[in-house]
């Protein structure tokens, strides 16, 4: 299944800019360094890069080294992944 999301914010610069439209798929394998869209209980829908994968969980990071996000300090369930970014439109 495919979903589309509009990027808001600058935490994923230079890979993704605010206003970019991305297409995701949940039909592809997800691995370290992929950019994913997931649902976080505190922050809602988030776009980040996977920094590590553990059994059932992942840890994420921002591409923009000038930003710091509390989302990056905790583990997230793989079940919360909406999809992997497969295209920037």
PDB file of N, CA and C in Angstrom:
ATOM      1  N   UNK A   1       0.844  -1.177   0.000  1.00  0.00           N
ATOM      2  CA  UNK A   1       0.000   0.000   0.000  1.00  0.00           C
ATOM      3  C   UNK A   1       0.897   1.250   0.000  1.00  0.00           C
ATOM      4  N   UNK A   2       0.462   2.287  -0.676  1.00  0.00           N
ATOM      5  CA  UNK A   2       1.224   3.526  -0.783  1.00  0.00           C
ATOM      6  C   UNK A   2       0.506   4.653  -0.039  1.00  0.00           C
ATOM      7  N   UNK A   3       1.296   5.523   0.593  1.00  0.00           N
ATOM      8  CA  UNK A   3       0.764   6.713   1.256  1.00  0.00           C
ATOM      9  C   UNK A   3       1.629   7.908   0.854  1.00  0.00           C
ATOM     10  N   UNK A   4       1.057   9.085   0.932  1.00  0.00           N
ATOM     11  CA  UNK A   4       1.767  10.317   0.605  1.00  0.00           C
ATOM     12  C   UNK A   4       1.757  11.237   1.820  1.00  0.00           C
ATOM     13  N   UNK A   5       2.890  11.895   2.064  1.00  0.00           N
ATOM     14  CA  UNK A   5       3.022  12.807   3.192  1.00  0.00           C
ATOM     15  C   UNK A   5       3.764  14.060   2.757  1.00  0.00           C
ATOM     16  N   UNK A   6       3.340  15.195   3.292  1.00  0.00           N
ATOM     17  CA  UNK A   6       4.030  16.461   3.051  1.00  0.00           C
ATOM     18  C   UNK A   6       4.958  16.716   4.240  1.00  0.00           C
ATOM     19  N   UNK A   7       6.202  16.990   3.940  1.00  0.00           N
ATOM     20  CA  UNK A   7       7.211  17.214   4.976  1.00  0.00           C
ATOM     21  C   UNK A   7       7.014  18.592   5.596  1.00  0.00           C
ATOM     22  N   UNK A   8       7.058  18.628   6.936  1.00  0.00           N
ATOM     23  CA  UNK A   8       6.983  19.889   7.680  1.00  0.00           C
ATOM     24  C   UNK A   8       8.194  19.949   8.593  1.00  0.00           C
ATOM     25  N   UNK A   9       8.912  21.053   8.544  1.00  0.00           N
ATOM     26  CA  UNK A   9      10.079  21.220   9.403  1.00  0.00           C
ATOM     27  C   UNK A   9      11.376  20.948   8.676  1.00  0.00           C
ATOM     28  N   UNK A  10      12.474  21.138   9.401  1.00  0.00           N
ATOM     29  CA  UNK A  10      13.793  21.029   8.770  1.00  0.00           C
ATOM     30  C   UNK A  10      14.673  19.948   9.394  1.00  0.00           C
ATOM     31  N   UNK A  11      14.095  19.034  10.169  1.00  0.00           N
ATOM     32  CA  UNK A  11      14.913  18.036  10.848  1.00  0.00           C
ATOM     33  C   UNK A  11      15.545  17.023   9.902  1.00  0.00           C
ATOM     34  N   UNK A  12      15.037  16.906   8.675  1.00  0.00           N
ATOM     35  CA  UNK A  12      15.594  15.930   7.734  1.00  0.00           C
ATOM     36  C   UNK A  12      16.424  16.568   6.623  1.00  0.00           C
ATOM     37  N   UNK A  13      16.752  17.867   6.777  1.00  0.00           N
ATOM     38  CA  UNK A  13      17.662  18.510   5.818  1.00  0.00           C
ATOM     39  C   UNK A  13      19.023  17.838   5.880  1.00  0.00           C
ATOM     40  N   UNK A  14      19.725  17.659   4.802  1.00  0.00           N
ATOM     41  CA  UNK A  14      19.422  18.100   3.441  1.00  0.00           C
ATOM     42  C   UNK A  14      18.636  17.074   2.623  1.00  0.00           C
ATOM     43  N   UNK A  15      18.329  15.908   3.203  1.00  0.00           N
ATOM     44  CA  UNK A  15      17.639  14.860   2.437  1.00  0.00           C
ATOM     45  C   UNK A  15      16.231  15.256   2.034  1.00  0.00           C
ATOM     46  N   UNK A  16      15.472  15.825   2.980  1.00  0.00           N
ATOM     47  CA  UNK A  16      14.092  16.238   2.730  1.00  0.00           C
ATOM     48  C   UNK A  16      13.899  17.653   3.227  1.00  0.00           C
ATOM     49  N   UNK A  17      13.239  18.472   2.433  1.00  0.00           N
ATOM     50  CA  UNK A  17      12.983  19.862   2.799  1.00  0.00           C
ATOM     51  C   UNK A  17      11.511  20.041   3.157  1.00  0.00           C
ATOM     52  N   UNK A  18      11.240  21.025   3.998  1.00  0.00           N
ATOM     53  CA  UNK A  18       9.866  21.352   4.336  1.00  0.00           C
ATOM     54  C   UNK A  18       9.105  21.660   3.047  1.00  0.00           C
ATOM     55  N   UNK A  19       7.955  21.052   2.881  1.00  0.00           N
ATOM     56  CA  UNK A  19       7.158  21.224   1.662  1.00  0.00           C
ATOM     57  C   UNK A  19       7.303  20.081   0.680  1.00  0.00           C
ATOM     58  N   UNK A  20       8.354  19.251   0.813  1.00  0.00           N
ATOM     59  CA  UNK A  20       8.498  18.094  -0.070  1.00  0.00           C
ATOM     60  C   UNK A  20       7.330  17.148   0.129  1.00  0.00           C
ATOM     61  N   UNK A  21       6.941  16.487  -0.936  1.00  0.00           N
ATOM     62  CA  UNK A  21       5.922  15.446  -0.873  1.00  0.00           C
ATOM     63  C   UNK A  21       6.637  14.118  -1.057  1.00  0.00           C
ATOM     64  N   UNK A  22       6.420  13.193  -0.118  1.00  0.00           N
ATOM     65  CA  UNK A  22       7.073  11.890  -0.210  1.00  0.00           C
ATOM     66  C   UNK A  22       6.026  10.797  -0.352  1.00  0.00           C
ATOM     67  N   UNK A  23       6.416   9.737  -1.053  1.00  0.00           N
ATOM     68  CA  UNK A  23       5.575   8.563  -1.189  1.00  0.00           C
ATOM     69  C   UNK A  23       6.211   7.450  -0.364  1.00  0.00           C
ATOM     70  N   UNK A  24       5.378   6.738   0.418  1.00  0.00           N
ATOM     71  CA  UNK A  24       5.872   5.630   1.216  1.00  0.00           C
ATOM     72  C   UNK A  24       5.191   4.332   0.791  1.00  0.00           C
ATOM     73  N   UNK A  25       5.854   3.243   1.138  1.00  0.00           N
ATOM     74  CA  UNK A  25       5.281   1.918   0.897  1.00  0.00           C
ATOM     75  C   UNK A  25       5.529   1.059   2.125  1.00  0.00           C
ATOM     76  N   UNK A  26       4.545   0.253   2.474  1.00  0.00           N
ATOM     77  CA  UNK A  26       4.742  -0.709   3.555  1.00  0.00           C
ATOM     78  C   UNK A  26       4.936  -2.116   2.993  1.00  0.00           C
ATOM     79  N   UNK A  27       5.200  -2.192   1.705  1.00  0.00           N
ATOM     80  CA  UNK A  27       5.383  -3.475   1.035  1.00  0.00           C
ATOM     81  C   UNK A  27       6.854  -3.794   0.768  1.00  0.00           C
ATOM     82  N   UNK A  28       7.764  -2.985   1.297  1.00  0.00           N
ATOM     83  CA  UNK A  28       9.186  -3.176   1.050  1.00  0.00           C
ATOM     84  C   UNK A  28       9.912  -3.472   2.357  1.00  0.00           C
ATOM     85  N   UNK A  29      11.063  -4.104   2.233  1.00  0.00           N
ATOM     86  CA  UNK A  29      11.876  -4.411   3.407  1.00  0.00           C
ATOM     87  C   UNK A  29      12.416  -3.117   4.013  1.00  0.00           C
ATOM     88  N   UNK A  30      12.440  -3.046   5.330  1.00  0.00           N
ATOM     89  CA  UNK A  30      12.958  -1.874   6.029  1.00  0.00           C
ATOM     90  C   UNK A  30      14.265  -2.262   6.694  1.00  0.00           C
ATOM     91  N   UNK A  31      15.275  -1.410   6.471  1.00  0.00           N
ATOM     92  CA  UNK A  31      16.589  -1.696   7.043  1.00  0.00           C
ATOM     93  C   UNK A  31      17.230  -0.418   7.572  1.00  0.00           C
ATOM     94  N   UNK A  32      18.346  -0.558   8.235  1.00  0.00           N
ATOM     95  CA  UNK A  32      19.082   0.564   8.800  1.00  0.00           C
ATOM     96  C   UNK A  32      19.391   1.590   7.705  1.00  0.00           C
ATOM     97  N   UNK A  33      19.300   2.860   8.038  1.00  0.00           N
ATOM     98  CA  UNK A  33      19.540   4.013   7.159  1.00  0.00           C
ATOM     99  C   UNK A  33      18.369   4.353   6.243  1.00  0.00           C
ATOM    100  N   UNK A  34      17.301   3.567   6.244  1.00  0.00           N
ATOM    101  CA  UNK A  34      16.105   3.932   5.480  1.00  0.00           C
ATOM    102  C   UNK A  34      15.401   5.099   6.173  1.00  0.00           C
ATOM    103  N   UNK A  35      14.716   5.905   5.388  1.00  0.00           N
ATOM    104  CA  UNK A  35      13.853   6.957   5.946  1.00  0.00           C
ATOM    105  C   UNK A  35      12.448   6.385   6.021  1.00  0.00           C
ATOM    106  N   UNK A  36      11.851   6.496   7.214  1.00  0.00           N
ATOM    107  CA  UNK A  36      10.522   5.941   7.425  1.00  0.00           C
ATOM    108  C   UNK A  36       9.579   6.990   7.997  1.00  0.00           C
ATOM    109  N   UNK A  37       8.289   6.750   7.787  1.00  0.00           N
ATOM    110  CA  UNK A  37       7.230   7.539   8.411  1.00  0.00           C
ATOM    111  C   UNK A  37       6.583   6.620   9.438  1.00  0.00           C
ATOM    112  N   UNK A  38       6.464   7.113  10.666  1.00  0.00           N
ATOM    113  CA  UNK A  38       5.870   6.291  11.712  1.00  0.00           C
ATOM    114  C   UNK A  38       5.017   7.153  12.625  1.00  0.00           C
ATOM    115  N   UNK A  39       4.192   6.483  13.405  1.00  0.00           N
ATOM    116  CA  UNK A  39       3.308   7.172  14.326  1.00  0.00           C
ATOM    117  C   UNK A  39       3.903   7.086  15.730  1.00  0.00           C
ATOM    118  N   UNK A  40       4.131   8.238  16.350  1.00  0.00           N
ATOM    119  CA  UNK A  40       4.647   8.311  17.709  1.00  0.00           C
ATOM    120  C   UNK A  40       3.517   8.787  18.624  1.00  0.00           C
ATOM    121  N   UNK A  41       3.341   8.115  19.751  1.00  0.00           N
ATOM    122  CA  UNK A  41       2.241   8.435  20.667  1.00  0.00           C
ATOM    123  C   UNK A  41       2.280   9.884  21.142  1.00  0.00           C
ATOM    124  N   UNK A  42       3.468  10.461  21.308  1.00  0.00           N
ATOM    125  CA  UNK A  42       3.588  11.830  21.816  1.00  0.00           C
ATOM    126  C   UNK A  42       3.578  12.889  20.725  1.00  0.00           C
ATOM    127  N   UNK A  43       4.131  12.570  19.548  1.00  0.00           N
ATOM    128  CA  UNK A  43       4.345  13.581  18.508  1.00  0.00           C
ATOM    129  C   UNK A  43       3.545  13.370  17.236  1.00  0.00           C
ATOM    130  N   UNK A  44       2.811  12.286  17.141  1.00  0.00           N
ATOM    131  CA  UNK A  44       2.025  12.038  15.933  1.00  0.00           C
ATOM    132  C   UNK A  44       2.863  11.421  14.833  1.00  0.00           C
ATOM    133  N   UNK A  45       2.591  11.804  13.600  1.00  0.00           N
ATOM    134  CA  UNK A  45       3.301  11.248  12.447  1.00  0.00           C
ATOM    135  C   UNK A  45       4.656  11.936  12.306  1.00  0.00           C
ATOM    136  N   UNK A  46       5.708  11.106  12.233  1.00  0.00           N
ATOM    137  CA  UNK A  46       7.087  11.591  12.235  1.00  0.00           C
ATOM    138  C   UNK A  46       7.841  10.962  11.062  1.00  0.00           C
ATOM    139  N   UNK A  47       8.764  11.729  10.482  1.00  0.00           N
ATOM    140  CA  UNK A  47       9.635  11.228   9.417  1.00  0.00           C
ATOM    141  C   UNK A  47      11.069  11.293   9.928  1.00  0.00           C
ATOM    142  N   UNK A  48      11.734  10.147   9.986  1.00  0.00           N
ATOM    143  CA  UNK A  48      13.117  10.069  10.479  1.00  0.00           C
ATOM    144  C   UNK A  48      13.847   8.945   9.766  1.00  0.00           C
ATOM    145  N   UNK A  49      15.179   8.942   9.960  1.00  0.00           N
ATOM    146  CA  UNK A  49      16.035   7.895   9.412  1.00  0.00           C
ATOM    147  C   UNK A  49      16.272   6.842  10.493  1.00  0.00           C
ATOM    148  N   UNK A  50      16.262   5.574  10.110  1.00  0.00           N
ATOM    149  CA  UNK A  50      16.512   4.498  11.063  1.00  0.00           C
ATOM    150  C   UNK A  50      18.005   4.441  11.371  1.00  0.00           C
ATOM    151  N   UNK A  51      18.353   4.559  12.648  1.00  0.00           N
ATOM    152  CA  UNK A  51      19.756   4.457  13.052  1.00  0.00           C
ATOM    153  C   UNK A  51      20.094   3.049  13.515  1.00  0.00           C
ATOM    154  N   UNK A  52      19.109   2.318  14.055  1.00  0.00           N
ATOM    155  CA  UNK A  52      19.342   0.927  14.432  1.00  0.00           C
ATOM    156  C   UNK A  52      18.029   0.173  14.503  1.00  0.00           C
ATOM    157  N   UNK A  53      18.133  -1.111  14.263  1.00  0.00           N
ATOM    158  CA  UNK A  53      16.977  -2.011  14.344  1.00  0.00           C
ATOM    159  C   UNK A  53      17.285  -3.084  15.373  1.00  0.00           C
ATOM    160  N   UNK A  54      16.359  -3.302  16.268  1.00  0.00           N
ATOM    161  CA  UNK A  54      16.470  -4.370  17.247  1.00  0.00           C
ATOM    162  C   UNK A  54      15.224  -5.218  17.120  1.00  0.00           C
ATOM    163  N   UNK A  55      15.153  -6.284  17.851  1.00  0.00           N
ATOM    164  CA  UNK A  55      14.018  -7.190  17.734  1.00  0.00           C
ATOM    165  C   UNK A  55      12.703  -6.490  18.059  1.00  0.00           C
ATOM    166  N   UNK A  56      11.939  -6.179  17.027  1.00  0.00           N
ATOM    167  CA  UNK A  56      10.645  -5.543  17.200  1.00  0.00           C
ATOM    168  C   UNK A  56      10.690  -4.034  17.387  1.00  0.00           C
ATOM    169  N   UNK A  57      11.882  -3.469  17.461  1.00  0.00           N
ATOM    170  CA  UNK A  57      12.025  -2.034  17.745  1.00  0.00           C
ATOM    171  C   UNK A  57      13.033  -1.384  16.821  1.00  0.00           C
ATOM    172  N   UNK A  58      12.935  -0.056  16.735  1.00  0.00           N
ATOM    173  CA  UNK A  58      13.911   0.709  15.976  1.00  0.00           C
ATOM    174  C   UNK A  58      14.237   1.992  16.725  1.00  0.00           C
ATOM    175  N   UNK A  59      15.395   2.526  16.423  1.00  0.00           N
ATOM    176  CA  UNK A  59      15.805   3.824  16.925  1.00  0.00           C
ATOM    177  C   UNK A  59      16.027   4.705  15.701  1.00  0.00           C
ATOM    178  N   UNK A  60      15.698   5.989  15.824  1.00  0.00           N
ATOM    179  CA  UNK A  60      15.753   6.877  14.671  1.00  0.00           C
ATOM    180  C   UNK A  60      16.656   8.074  14.947  1.00  0.00           C
ATOM    181  N   UNK A  61      16.989   8.784  13.856  1.00  0.00           N
ATOM    182  CA  UNK A  61      17.789   9.995  13.968  1.00  0.00           C
ATOM    183  C   UNK A  61      17.334  10.984  12.911  1.00  0.00           C
ATOM    184  N   UNK A  62      17.667  12.244  13.141  1.00  0.00           N
ATOM    185  CA  UNK A  62      17.422  13.303  12.160  1.00  0.00           C
ATOM    186  C   UNK A  62      18.637  13.397  11.253  1.00  0.00           C
ATOM    187  N   UNK A  63      18.445  13.832  10.022  1.00  0.00           N
ATOM    188  CA  UNK A  63      19.579  14.071   9.130  1.00  0.00           C
ATOM    189  C   UNK A  63      20.241  15.412   9.427  1.00  0.00           C
ATOM    190  N   UNK A  64      19.453  16.380   9.889  1.00  0.00           N
ATOM    191  CA  UNK A  64      19.967  17.716  10.177  1.00  0.00           C
ATOM    192  C   UNK A  64      20.674  17.683  11.530  1.00  0.00           C
ATOM    193  N   UNK A  65      21.985  17.798  11.509  1.00  0.00           N
ATOM    194  CA  UNK A  65      22.770  17.725  12.736  1.00  0.00           C
ATOM    195  C   UNK A  65      22.581  18.934  13.639  1.00  0.00           C
ATOM    196  N   UNK A  66      21.929  19.983  13.139  1.00  0.00           N
ATOM    197  CA  UNK A  66      21.688  21.190  13.932  1.00  0.00           C
ATOM    198  C   UNK A  66      20.397  21.099  14.739  1.00  0.00           C
ATOM    199  N   UNK A  67      19.653  20.009  14.574  1.00  0.00           N
ATOM    200  CA  UNK A  67      18.400  19.861  15.317  1.00  0.00           C
ATOM    201  C   UNK A  67      18.511  18.702  16.296  1.00  0.00           C
ATOM    202  N   UNK A  68      17.733  18.777  17.329  1.00  0.00           N
ATOM    203  CA  UNK A  68      17.680  17.723  18.331  1.00  0.00           C
ATOM    204  C   UNK A  68      16.215  17.414  18.584  1.00  0.00           C
ATOM    205  N   UNK A  69      15.848  16.161  18.531  1.00  0.00           N
ATOM    206  CA  UNK A  69      14.451  15.781  18.701  1.00  0.00           C
ATOM    207  C   UNK A  69      14.328  14.719  19.782  1.00  0.00           C
ATOM    208  N   UNK A  70      13.393  14.901  20.721  1.00  0.00           N
ATOM    209  CA  UNK A  70      13.166  13.882  21.739  1.00  0.00           C
ATOM    210  C   UNK A  70      12.716  12.538  21.151  1.00  0.00           C
ATOM    211  N   UNK A  71      12.178  12.556  19.938  1.00  0.00           N
ATOM    212  CA  UNK A  71      11.762  11.319  19.273  1.00  0.00           C
ATOM    213  C   UNK A  71      12.967  10.405  19.058  1.00  0.00           C
ATOM    214  N   UNK A  72      14.149  11.003  18.933  1.00  0.00           N
ATOM    215  CA  UNK A  72      15.360  10.242  18.640  1.00  0.00           C
ATOM    216  C   UNK A  72      15.985   9.601  19.882  1.00  0.00           C
ATOM    217  N   UNK A  73      15.440   9.869  21.045  1.00  0.00           N
ATOM    218  CA  UNK A  73      16.046   9.362  22.275  1.00  0.00           C
ATOM    219  C   UNK A  73      15.388   8.093  22.801  1.00  0.00           C
ATOM    220  N   UNK A  74      14.358   7.604  22.106  1.00  0.00           N
ATOM    221  CA  UNK A  74      13.661   6.424  22.614  1.00  0.00           C
ATOM    222  C   UNK A  74      13.496   5.368  21.533  1.00  0.00           C
ATOM    223  N   UNK A  75      13.164   4.153  21.950  1.00  0.00           N
ATOM    224  CA  UNK A  75      12.877   3.072  21.020  1.00  0.00           C
ATOM    225  C   UNK A  75      11.432   3.181  20.544  1.00  0.00           C
ATOM    226  N   UNK A  76      11.202   2.791  19.294  1.00  0.00           N
ATOM    227  CA  UNK A  76       9.873   2.817  18.697  1.00  0.00           C
ATOM    228  C   UNK A  76       9.546   1.417  18.192  1.00  0.00           C
ATOM    229  N   UNK A  77       8.309   1.015  18.365  1.00  0.00           N
ATOM    230  CA  UNK A  77       7.879  -0.290  17.885  1.00  0.00           C
ATOM    231  C   UNK A  77       7.840  -0.299  16.359  1.00  0.00           C
ATOM    232  N   UNK A  78       8.316  -1.393  15.774  1.00  0.00           N
ATOM    233  CA  UNK A  78       8.230  -1.539  14.317  1.00  0.00           C
ATOM    234  C   UNK A  78       6.783  -1.512  13.849  1.00  0.00           C
ATOM    235  N   UNK A  79       5.859  -1.889  14.725  1.00  0.00           N
ATOM    236  CA  UNK A  79       4.438  -1.906  14.374  1.00  0.00           C
ATOM    237  C   UNK A  79       3.896  -0.509  14.085  1.00  0.00           C
ATOM    238  N   UNK A  80       4.596   0.537  14.547  1.00  0.00           N
ATOM    239  CA  UNK A  80       4.145   1.910  14.333  1.00  0.00           C
ATOM    240  C   UNK A  80       4.609   2.501  13.007  1.00  0.00           C
ATOM    241  N   UNK A  81       5.389   1.738  12.251  1.00  0.00           N
ATOM    242  CA  UNK A  81       5.863   2.226  10.952  1.00  0.00           C
ATOM    243  C   UNK A  81       4.708   2.215   9.954  1.00  0.00           C
ATOM    244  N   UNK A  82       4.497   3.361   9.344  1.00  0.00           N
ATOM    245  CA  UNK A  82       3.470   3.485   8.299  1.00  0.00           C
ATOM    246  C   UNK A  82       4.056   3.038   6.963  1.00  0.00           C
ATOM    247  N   UNK A  83       5.311   3.416   6.717  1.00  0.00           N
ATOM    248  CA  UNK A  83       5.957   3.010   5.476  1.00  0.00           C
ATOM    249  C   UNK A  83       7.341   3.599   5.335  1.00  0.00           C
ATOM    250  N   UNK A  84       8.065   3.042   4.397  1.00  0.00           N
ATOM    251  CA  UNK A  84       9.404   3.508   4.028  1.00  0.00           C
ATOM    252  C   UNK A  84       9.262   4.533   2.911  1.00  0.00           C
ATOM    253  N   UNK A  85      10.018   5.624   2.991  1.00  0.00           N
ATOM    254  CA  UNK A  85      10.007   6.623   1.928  1.00  0.00           C
ATOM    255  C   UNK A  85      10.681   6.002   0.709  1.00  0.00           C
ATOM    256  N   UNK A  86       9.933   5.920  -0.384  1.00  0.00           N
ATOM    257  CA  UNK A  86      10.474   5.321  -1.602  1.00  0.00           C
ATOM    258  C   UNK A  86      10.651   6.343  -2.720  1.00  0.00           C
ATOM    259  N   UNK A  87      10.054   7.542  -2.539  1.00  0.00           N
ATOM    260  CA  UNK A  87      10.181   8.560  -3.579  1.00  0.00           C
ATOM    261  C   UNK A  87       9.874   9.947  -3.006  1.00  0.00           C
ATOM    262  N   UNK A  88      10.610  10.940  -3.510  1.00  0.00           N
ATOM    263  CA  UNK A  88      10.313  12.340  -3.206  1.00  0.00           C
ATOM    264  C   UNK A  88       9.721  12.917  -4.482  1.00  0.00           C
ATOM    265  N   UNK A  89       8.505  13.428  -4.385  1.00  0.00           N
ATOM    266  CA  UNK A  89       7.790  13.901  -5.581  1.00  0.00           C
ATOM    267  C   UNK A  89       7.916  15.404  -5.750  1.00  0.00           C
TER     268      UNK A  89
END
